[in-house]
């Protein structure tokens, strides 16, 4: 369901979830949920393969209250990212997608030295107030989409382009999924990027190439 609005206060971005809960111990590399293809709305093997070819396979977070989130990057254009939701409960769950905005609540970006990058919005707020705090910004909204995810299904619920949110120079970056309901990193981070960094093993490595003349 789409809602067009002039202004929207980004506060409760996700609906249908309790505010508290516990993560399942460990993380599962597989899920019994059926993957729903965005284009056809089906779960055939051919469309699932096509979905992964276009969007990449997601790095998933542990389950919280029966629901897990994850992030993938398009193989042919890694700046295009998709947010996945795996509903392992017995009830339909909801997600509110404000186009090109809410996807940022499900990821954070690190450079090759292990430094977290600030979004353009964070940099602007830092210049104005010298305090990042929690970003509850009033955004111009061209579209908002309420997604309903059926029980035991997994699908893309949000998407966006990193280049629209970050000022990225050519180089290597790591997309780290974060829990959007709590805005927390589920796995510990490291100050420097190396082979033993826990978050690096649970991230997506992307390379931004120089623009062709």
C-alpha atoms as a PDB file:
ATOM      1  CA  UNK A   1       0.000   0.000   0.000  1.00  0.00           C
ATOM      2  CA  UNK A   2       1.433   3.371  -1.018  1.00  0.00           C
ATOM      3  CA  UNK A   3       0.853   6.637   0.803  1.00  0.00           C
ATOM      4  CA  UNK A   4       1.981   9.927  -0.686  1.00  0.00           C
ATOM      5  CA  UNK A   5       2.621  12.630   1.845  1.00  0.00           C
ATOM      6  CA  UNK A   6       4.244  16.028   2.005  1.00  0.00           C
ATOM      7  CA  UNK A   7       6.053  15.621   5.318  1.00  0.00           C
ATOM      8  CA  UNK A   8       6.666  12.599   7.461  1.00  0.00           C
ATOM      9  CA  UNK A   9       8.246  12.511  10.888  1.00  0.00           C
ATOM     10  CA  UNK A  10      10.670   9.603  11.029  1.00  0.00           C
ATOM     11  CA  UNK A  11       9.922   8.159  14.443  1.00  0.00           C
ATOM     12  CA  UNK A  12       8.329   4.709  14.509  1.00  0.00           C
ATOM     13  CA  UNK A  13       9.669   3.316  11.266  1.00  0.00           C
ATOM     14  CA  UNK A  14       8.607  -0.235  11.855  1.00  0.00           C
ATOM     15  CA  UNK A  15       5.130  -1.281  12.876  1.00  0.00           C
ATOM     16  CA  UNK A  16       3.886  -4.572  14.193  1.00  0.00           C
ATOM     17  CA  UNK A  17       6.938  -5.312  16.383  1.00  0.00           C
ATOM     18  CA  UNK A  18       7.324  -5.186  20.151  1.00  0.00           C
ATOM     19  CA  UNK A  19      10.010  -2.844  21.437  1.00  0.00           C
ATOM     20  CA  UNK A  20      11.725  -5.438  23.585  1.00  0.00           C
ATOM     21  CA  UNK A  21      12.790  -9.019  23.161  1.00  0.00           C
ATOM     22  CA  UNK A  22      15.771 -11.280  22.992  1.00  0.00           C
ATOM     23  CA  UNK A  23      17.889 -12.527  20.131  1.00  0.00           C
ATOM     24  CA  UNK A  24      18.019 -16.199  19.351  1.00  0.00           C
ATOM     25  CA  UNK A  25      21.351 -17.646  20.379  1.00  0.00           C
ATOM     26  CA  UNK A  26      23.789 -17.756  17.484  1.00  0.00           C
ATOM     27  CA  UNK A  27      22.752 -17.203  13.922  1.00  0.00           C
ATOM     28  CA  UNK A  28      21.371 -19.577  11.361  1.00  0.00           C
ATOM     29  CA  UNK A  29      22.914 -19.678   7.922  1.00  0.00           C
ATOM     30  CA  UNK A  30      19.688 -21.119   6.511  1.00  0.00           C
ATOM     31  CA  UNK A  31      15.999 -20.451   6.932  1.00  0.00           C
ATOM     32  CA  UNK A  32      12.919 -22.531   6.322  1.00  0.00           C
ATOM     33  CA  UNK A  33      11.028 -19.461   5.146  1.00  0.00           C
ATOM     34  CA  UNK A  34      10.061 -19.262   1.485  1.00  0.00           C
ATOM     35  CA  UNK A  35      11.700 -16.439  -0.430  1.00  0.00           C
ATOM     36  CA  UNK A  36       9.128 -14.260  -2.167  1.00  0.00           C
ATOM     37  CA  UNK A  37      10.339 -12.655  -5.381  1.00  0.00           C
ATOM     38  CA  UNK A  38       9.550  -8.961  -5.572  1.00  0.00           C
ATOM     39  CA  UNK A  39       8.584  -8.894  -9.240  1.00  0.00           C
ATOM     40  CA  UNK A  40       6.379 -11.977  -9.503  1.00  0.00           C
ATOM     41  CA  UNK A  41       5.316 -12.310  -5.881  1.00  0.00           C
ATOM     42  CA  UNK A  42       6.121 -16.023  -6.129  1.00  0.00           C
ATOM     43  CA  UNK A  43       8.669 -18.426  -4.662  1.00  0.00           C
ATOM     44  CA  UNK A  44       9.802 -20.543  -7.594  1.00  0.00           C
ATOM     45  CA  UNK A  45      13.420 -21.671  -7.808  1.00  0.00           C
ATOM     46  CA  UNK A  46      14.033 -19.725 -11.022  1.00  0.00           C
ATOM     47  CA  UNK A  47      12.741 -16.427  -9.658  1.00  0.00           C
ATOM     48  CA  UNK A  48      14.697 -16.853  -6.415  1.00  0.00           C
ATOM     49  CA  UNK A  49      17.903 -17.359  -8.415  1.00  0.00           C
ATOM     50  CA  UNK A  50      17.065 -14.261 -10.431  1.00  0.00           C
ATOM     51  CA  UNK A  51      16.413 -12.293  -7.246  1.00  0.00           C
ATOM     52  CA  UNK A  52      19.850 -13.219  -5.881  1.00  0.00           C
ATOM     53  CA  UNK A  53      21.557 -12.425  -9.198  1.00  0.00           C
ATOM     54  CA  UNK A  54      20.017  -8.961  -9.279  1.00  0.00           C
ATOM     55  CA  UNK A  55      20.150  -8.073  -5.564  1.00  0.00           C
ATOM     56  CA  UNK A  56      22.860 -10.344  -4.160  1.00  0.00           C
ATOM     57  CA  UNK A  57      22.491 -12.821  -1.311  1.00  0.00           C
ATOM     58  CA  UNK A  58      21.762 -11.125   2.019  1.00  0.00           C
ATOM     59  CA  UNK A  59      23.857 -11.170   5.165  1.00  0.00           C
ATOM     60  CA  UNK A  60      21.260 -11.887   7.837  1.00  0.00           C
ATOM     61  CA  UNK A  61      21.107 -10.900  11.502  1.00  0.00           C
ATOM     62  CA  UNK A  62      19.997 -13.232  14.316  1.00  0.00           C
ATOM     63  CA  UNK A  63      16.276 -13.665  14.894  1.00  0.00           C
ATOM     64  CA  UNK A  64      14.588 -11.212  17.271  1.00  0.00           C
ATOM     65  CA  UNK A  65      11.004 -11.951  18.307  1.00  0.00           C
ATOM     66  CA  UNK A  66      10.631 -14.343  15.391  1.00  0.00           C
ATOM     67  CA  UNK A  67      11.863 -11.894  12.740  1.00  0.00           C
ATOM     68  CA  UNK A  68      15.308 -11.444  11.185  1.00  0.00           C
ATOM     69  CA  UNK A  69      16.638  -8.648   8.978  1.00  0.00           C
ATOM     70  CA  UNK A  70      19.507  -8.636   6.514  1.00  0.00           C
ATOM     71  CA  UNK A  71      21.247  -6.619   3.822  1.00  0.00           C
ATOM     72  CA  UNK A  72      22.443  -7.418   0.313  1.00  0.00           C
ATOM     73  CA  UNK A  73      24.277  -5.456  -2.384  1.00  0.00           C
ATOM     74  CA  UNK A  74      23.651  -5.763  -6.107  1.00  0.00           C
ATOM     75  CA  UNK A  75      26.572  -7.590  -7.765  1.00  0.00           C
ATOM     76  CA  UNK A  76      26.624  -5.295 -10.808  1.00  0.00           C
ATOM     77  CA  UNK A  77      26.210  -2.089  -8.769  1.00  0.00           C
ATOM     78  CA  UNK A  78      27.110  -2.571  -5.092  1.00  0.00           C
ATOM     79  CA  UNK A  79      25.872   0.902  -4.166  1.00  0.00           C
ATOM     80  CA  UNK A  80      22.344  -0.434  -4.666  1.00  0.00           C
ATOM     81  CA  UNK A  81      21.392  -2.225  -1.458  1.00  0.00           C
ATOM     82  CA  UNK A  82      18.330  -4.208  -0.449  1.00  0.00           C
ATOM     83  CA  UNK A  83      16.893  -4.832   3.015  1.00  0.00           C
ATOM     84  CA  UNK A  84      15.478  -8.313   3.605  1.00  0.00           C
ATOM     85  CA  UNK A  85      12.984  -9.407   6.238  1.00  0.00           C
ATOM     86  CA  UNK A  86      12.506 -13.039   7.291  1.00  0.00           C
ATOM     87  CA  UNK A  87       9.216 -13.571   9.119  1.00  0.00           C
ATOM     88  CA  UNK A  88       9.481 -16.833  11.027  1.00  0.00           C
ATOM     89  CA  UNK A  89       6.341 -16.196  13.088  1.00  0.00           C
ATOM     90  CA  UNK A  90       2.811 -17.513  12.631  1.00  0.00           C
ATOM     91  CA  UNK A  91       1.376 -14.033  11.960  1.00  0.00           C
ATOM     92  CA  UNK A  92       1.834 -11.531   9.152  1.00  0.00           C
ATOM     93  CA  UNK A  93       4.278  -8.760  10.071  1.00  0.00           C
ATOM     94  CA  UNK A  94       4.418  -5.188   8.790  1.00  0.00           C
ATOM     95  CA  UNK A  95       7.198  -2.903   7.632  1.00  0.00           C
ATOM     96  CA  UNK A  96       7.043   0.778   6.709  1.00  0.00           C
ATOM     97  CA  UNK A  97       9.343   1.733   3.851  1.00  0.00           C
ATOM     98  CA  UNK A  98       9.870   5.420   3.193  1.00  0.00           C
ATOM     99  CA  UNK A  99      11.581   5.437  -0.165  1.00  0.00           C
ATOM    100  CA  UNK A 100      15.347   6.093  -0.075  1.00  0.00           C
ATOM    101  CA  UNK A 101      15.312   6.892   3.667  1.00  0.00           C
ATOM    102  CA  UNK A 102      14.426   3.980   5.941  1.00  0.00           C
ATOM    103  CA  UNK A 103      16.915   1.552   4.412  1.00  0.00           C
ATOM    104  CA  UNK A 104      19.641   3.435   6.302  1.00  0.00           C
ATOM    105  CA  UNK A 105      18.246   2.186   9.624  1.00  0.00           C
ATOM    106  CA  UNK A 106      19.266  -1.358   8.690  1.00  0.00           C
ATOM    107  CA  UNK A 107      22.930  -0.823   7.887  1.00  0.00           C
ATOM    108  CA  UNK A 108      26.050   1.115   8.676  1.00  0.00           C
ATOM    109  CA  UNK A 109      29.075   1.675   6.452  1.00  0.00           C
ATOM    110  CA  UNK A 110      32.776   1.340   7.271  1.00  0.00           C
ATOM    111  CA  UNK A 111      35.817   2.256   5.216  1.00  0.00           C
ATOM    112  CA  UNK A 112      38.778  -0.064   4.654  1.00  0.00           C
ATOM    113  CA  UNK A 113      40.452   1.234   7.841  1.00  0.00           C
ATOM    114  CA  UNK A 114      37.507   0.242  10.026  1.00  0.00           C
ATOM    115  CA  UNK A 115      36.141   3.767  10.496  1.00  0.00           C
ATOM    116  CA  UNK A 116      32.369   4.204  10.484  1.00  0.00           C
ATOM    117  CA  UNK A 117      31.274   6.694   7.849  1.00  0.00           C
ATOM    118  CA  UNK A 118      28.736   9.395   8.599  1.00  0.00           C
ATOM    119  CA  UNK A 119      25.803   9.838   6.259  1.00  0.00           C
ATOM    120  CA  UNK A 120      25.324  13.207   4.578  1.00  0.00           C
ATOM    121  CA  UNK A 121      22.482  13.884   7.028  1.00  0.00           C
ATOM    122  CA  UNK A 122      24.696  13.120  10.027  1.00  0.00           C
ATOM    123  CA  UNK A 123      27.453  15.377   8.701  1.00  0.00           C
ATOM    124  CA  UNK A 124      24.994  18.219   8.198  1.00  0.00           C
ATOM    125  CA  UNK A 125      23.591  17.832  11.696  1.00  0.00           C
ATOM    126  CA  UNK A 126      27.082  17.681  13.164  1.00  0.00           C
ATOM    127  CA  UNK A 127      27.989  20.952  11.452  1.00  0.00           C
ATOM    128  CA  UNK A 128      24.829  22.622  12.696  1.00  0.00           C
ATOM    129  CA  UNK A 129      24.554  21.323  16.257  1.00  0.00           C
ATOM    130  CA  UNK A 130      27.892  19.614  16.997  1.00  0.00           C
ATOM    131  CA  UNK A 131      25.831  16.708  18.285  1.00  0.00           C
ATOM    132  CA  UNK A 132      24.754  13.613  16.341  1.00  0.00           C
ATOM    133  CA  UNK A 133      22.243  12.296  18.848  1.00  0.00           C
ATOM    134  CA  UNK A 134      19.399  10.296  17.323  1.00  0.00           C
ATOM    135  CA  UNK A 135      18.360  11.379  13.862  1.00  0.00           C
ATOM    136  CA  UNK A 136      14.613  11.911  13.815  1.00  0.00           C
ATOM    137  CA  UNK A 137      14.406  14.108  10.770  1.00  0.00           C
ATOM    138  CA  UNK A 138      11.469  15.516   8.895  1.00  0.00           C
ATOM    139  CA  UNK A 139      11.984  14.346   5.341  1.00  0.00           C
ATOM    140  CA  UNK A 140      10.326  15.298   2.090  1.00  0.00           C
ATOM    141  CA  UNK A 141       8.541  12.109   1.148  1.00  0.00           C
ATOM    142  CA  UNK A 142       7.497  11.184  -2.363  1.00  0.00           C
ATOM    143  CA  UNK A 143       6.262   7.727  -1.403  1.00  0.00           C
ATOM    144  CA  UNK A 144       5.764   5.504   1.610  1.00  0.00           C
ATOM    145  CA  UNK A 145       5.064   1.800   1.279  1.00  0.00           C
ATOM    146  CA  UNK A 146       3.498  -0.444   3.900  1.00  0.00           C
ATOM    147  CA  UNK A 147       4.706  -3.996   3.356  1.00  0.00           C
ATOM    148  CA  UNK A 148       2.911  -7.009   4.791  1.00  0.00           C
ATOM    149  CA  UNK A 149       5.125 -10.076   5.100  1.00  0.00           C
ATOM    150  CA  UNK A 150       3.285 -13.381   5.306  1.00  0.00           C
ATOM    151  CA  UNK A 151       4.210 -15.982   7.937  1.00  0.00           C
ATOM    152  CA  UNK A 152       7.281 -18.086   7.130  1.00  0.00           C
ATOM    153  CA  UNK A 153       8.290 -15.970   4.167  1.00  0.00           C
ATOM    154  CA  UNK A 154      11.354 -13.865   3.431  1.00  0.00           C
ATOM    155  CA  UNK A 155      11.455 -10.934   1.033  1.00  0.00           C
ATOM    156  CA  UNK A 156      12.946  -7.555   0.177  1.00  0.00           C
ATOM    157  CA  UNK A 157      11.117  -4.843   2.117  1.00  0.00           C
ATOM    158  CA  UNK A 158      13.340  -1.826   1.514  1.00  0.00           C
ATOM    159  CA  UNK A 159      15.985  -0.614  -0.884  1.00  0.00           C
ATOM    160  CA  UNK A 160      18.201   2.389  -1.565  1.00  0.00           C
ATOM    161  CA  UNK A 161      21.436   3.695  -3.062  1.00  0.00           C
ATOM    162  CA  UNK A 162      24.441   4.352  -0.840  1.00  0.00           C
ATOM    163  CA  UNK A 163      25.598   7.111  -3.166  1.00  0.00           C
ATOM    164  CA  UNK A 164      22.482   9.115  -2.295  1.00  0.00           C
ATOM    165  CA  UNK A 165      23.229   8.954   1.432  1.00  0.00           C
ATOM    166  CA  UNK A 166      27.029   8.994   1.613  1.00  0.00           C
ATOM    167  CA  UNK A 167      29.785  10.941  -0.128  1.00  0.00           C
ATOM    168  CA  UNK A 168      31.780   7.971  -1.384  1.00  0.00           C
ATOM    169  CA  UNK A 169      35.182   8.165  -3.017  1.00  0.00           C
ATOM    170  CA  UNK A 170      36.545   5.214  -5.013  1.00  0.00           C
ATOM    171  CA  UNK A 171      37.751   2.525  -2.635  1.00  0.00           C
ATOM    172  CA  UNK A 172      36.783  -0.467  -0.510  1.00  0.00           C
ATOM    173  CA  UNK A 173      33.921  -0.349   1.988  1.00  0.00           C
ATOM    174  CA  UNK A 174      32.095  -2.745   4.295  1.00  0.00           C
ATOM    175  CA  UNK A 175      28.313  -2.764   4.665  1.00  0.00           C
ATOM    176  CA  UNK A 176      27.405  -4.005   8.145  1.00  0.00           C
ATOM    177  CA  UNK A 177      23.778  -4.917   8.867  1.00  0.00           C
ATOM    178  CA  UNK A 178      22.306  -3.499  12.064  1.00  0.00           C
ATOM    179  CA  UNK A 179      19.091  -4.333  13.874  1.00  0.00           C
ATOM    180  CA  UNK A 180      16.606  -1.650  12.671  1.00  0.00           C
ATOM    181  CA  UNK A 181      14.230  -2.040  15.626  1.00  0.00           C
ATOM    182  CA  UNK A 182      16.912  -1.266  18.189  1.00  0.00           C
ATOM    183  CA  UNK A 183      19.461   0.520  15.970  1.00  0.00           C
ATOM    184  CA  UNK A 184      22.231  -1.621  17.430  1.00  0.00           C
ATOM    185  CA  UNK A 185      25.100  -3.653  16.068  1.00  0.00           C
ATOM    186  CA  UNK A 186      24.380  -7.237  16.960  1.00  0.00           C
ATOM    187  CA  UNK A 187      28.016  -8.269  16.647  1.00  0.00           C
ATOM    188  CA  UNK A 188      30.899  -6.320  18.242  1.00  0.00           C
ATOM    189  CA  UNK A 189      32.796  -3.886  16.075  1.00  0.00           C
ATOM    190  CA  UNK A 190      36.514  -3.313  15.832  1.00  0.00           C
ATOM    191  CA  UNK A 191      38.429  -0.073  15.558  1.00  0.00           C
ATOM    192  CA  UNK A 192      40.506  -1.397  12.686  1.00  0.00           C
ATOM    193  CA  UNK A 193      39.555  -3.663   9.829  1.00  0.00           C
ATOM    194  CA  UNK A 194      41.437  -6.947   9.862  1.00  0.00           C
ATOM    195  CA  UNK A 195      40.852 -10.631   9.332  1.00  0.00           C
ATOM    196  CA  UNK A 196      39.898 -11.157  12.975  1.00  0.00           C
ATOM    197  CA  UNK A 197      37.320  -8.351  13.163  1.00  0.00           C
ATOM    198  CA  UNK A 198      33.964  -9.957  14.098  1.00  0.00           C
ATOM    199  CA  UNK A 199      31.949  -7.427  12.117  1.00  0.00           C
ATOM    200  CA  UNK A 200      34.093  -7.848   9.004  1.00  0.00           C
ATOM    201  CA  UNK A 201      33.189 -11.526   8.814  1.00  0.00           C
ATOM    202  CA  UNK A 202      29.523 -10.507   9.019  1.00  0.00           C
ATOM    203  CA  UNK A 203      29.525  -7.755   6.425  1.00  0.00           C
ATOM    204  CA  UNK A 204      29.459  -7.169   2.680  1.00  0.00           C
ATOM    205  CA  UNK A 205      32.677  -5.992   1.087  1.00  0.00           C
ATOM    206  CA  UNK A 206      32.097  -3.622  -1.825  1.00  0.00           C
ATOM    207  CA  UNK A 207      34.474  -1.768  -4.111  1.00  0.00           C
ATOM    208  CA  UNK A 208      33.568   1.609  -5.586  1.00  0.00           C
ATOM    209  CA  UNK A 209      35.421   2.062  -8.860  1.00  0.00           C
ATOM    210  CA  UNK A 210      36.483   5.447 -10.268  1.00  0.00           C
ATOM    211  CA  UNK A 211      33.966   6.981 -12.639  1.00  0.00           C
ATOM    212  CA  UNK A 212      34.772   6.392 -16.273  1.00  0.00           C
ATOM    213  CA  UNK A 213      35.652   9.548 -18.241  1.00  0.00           C
END
